[in-house]
Amino acid sequence: MSPQPAADPPAATNAQMSDARLPLAYRDRCAGLLVPLNRCRFETWYLPWKCEDERHSYERCQYDEFMKRVKKMEELKAANPGMRSN
């Protein structure tokens, strides 16, 4: 039995992502979880045992988004057998 995906993460606006100085590569659906994670990391001097809940939430969001992309790719391959993906 596979774990159920978490609810949609809180959305971050472009202004919030810009204020948090997130690189463009990290401005995805999980950015709303990355902003508080980075703030927590900064405030706790990047101690690895701090901010575990925020880190876990962010990593879970990234995993769920990856699984959505994999599922979509499998659906596309099933709909178009014999087609190349690249």
Protein backbone atom coordinates (compact mmCIF):
# COMPACT_ATOMS: atom_id res chain seq x y z
CA MET A 1 0.00 0.00 0.00
CA SER A 2 1.48 3.34 -1.05
CA PRO A 3 1.27 6.37 1.23
CA GLN A 4 -1.36 8.97 0.41
CA PRO A 5 -0.08 12.27 -0.99
CA ALA A 6 -0.26 15.23 1.32
CA ALA A 7 -2.64 18.10 0.74
CA ASP A 8 -1.57 20.89 -1.59
CA PRO A 9 1.11 23.05 0.00
CA PRO A 10 0.43 26.70 0.73
CA ALA A 11 1.11 28.80 -2.33
CA ALA A 12 3.86 31.40 -2.26
CA THR A 13 3.43 34.57 -4.26
CA ASN A 14 6.11 35.90 -6.57
CA ALA A 15 6.74 38.72 -4.11
CA GLN A 16 7.26 36.27 -1.23
CA MET A 17 9.63 34.14 -3.28
CA SER A 18 11.51 37.23 -4.39
CA ASP A 19 11.74 38.58 -0.83
CA ALA A 20 13.04 35.18 0.32
CA ARG A 21 15.58 35.32 -2.52
CA LEU A 22 14.67 31.87 -3.81
CA PRO A 23 16.55 30.89 -6.96
CA LEU A 24 14.31 30.49 -10.02
CA ALA A 25 14.92 26.73 -10.06
CA TYR A 26 13.23 26.38 -6.64
CA ARG A 27 10.13 28.45 -7.43
CA ASP A 28 7.73 25.56 -7.86
CA ARG A 29 4.59 24.32 -6.13
CA CYS A 30 6.59 23.53 -2.99
CA ALA A 31 8.06 27.02 -2.63
CA GLY A 32 5.45 27.84 -0.01
CA LEU A 33 7.13 25.26 2.23
CA LEU A 34 10.69 26.20 1.29
CA VAL A 35 10.38 29.83 2.40
CA PRO A 36 9.66 28.98 6.08
CA LEU A 37 12.24 26.17 5.97
CA ASN A 38 14.97 28.53 4.82
CA ARG A 39 13.92 31.10 7.42
CA CYS A 40 14.08 28.45 10.15
CA ARG A 41 17.48 27.28 8.94
CA PHE A 42 18.83 30.83 9.01
CA GLU A 43 17.43 31.54 12.48
CA THR A 44 18.86 28.31 13.94
CA TRP A 45 22.26 28.67 12.28
CA TYR A 46 21.64 25.68 9.98
CA LEU A 47 21.85 23.14 12.79
CA PRO A 48 20.89 19.80 11.21
CA TRP A 49 18.63 18.65 14.04
CA LYS A 50 16.57 21.84 13.93
CA CYS A 51 13.70 22.49 11.51
CA GLU A 52 13.08 18.77 10.99
CA ASP A 53 9.31 19.19 10.60
CA GLU A 54 9.72 21.89 7.97
CA ARG A 55 12.33 19.89 6.10
CA HIS A 56 10.21 16.75 6.14
CA SER A 57 7.19 18.66 4.83
CA TYR A 58 9.22 20.19 2.02
CA GLU A 59 10.86 16.91 1.02
CA ARG A 60 7.48 15.15 1.08
CA CYS A 61 6.06 17.82 -1.22
CA GLN A 62 8.97 17.39 -3.62
CA TYR A 63 8.47 13.61 -3.61
CA ASP A 64 4.73 13.93 -4.28
CA GLU A 65 5.38 16.29 -7.18
CA PHE A 66 7.93 13.85 -8.61
CA MET A 67 5.45 10.99 -8.36
CA LYS A 68 2.83 13.09 -10.18
CA ARG A 69 5.30 13.66 -13.02
CA VAL A 70 6.14 9.95 -13.19
CA LYS A 71 2.46 9.01 -13.29
CA LYS A 72 1.78 11.55 -16.05
CA MET A 73 4.69 10.19 -18.09
CA GLU A 74 3.41 6.63 -17.71
CA GLU A 75 -0.04 7.76 -18.87
CA LEU A 76 1.47 9.45 -21.92
CA LYS A 77 3.50 6.35 -22.77
CA ALA A 78 0.41 4.14 -22.41
CA ALA A 79 -1.63 6.46 -24.63
CA ASN A 80 1.04 6.55 -27.35
CA PRO A 81 2.73 3.12 -27.55
CA GLY A 82 5.85 3.05 -29.66
CA MET A 83 6.50 6.77 -29.33
CA ARG A 84 9.89 7.88 -28.10
CA SER A 85 10.09 10.07 -25.02
CA ASN A 86 13.10 12.07 -26.17
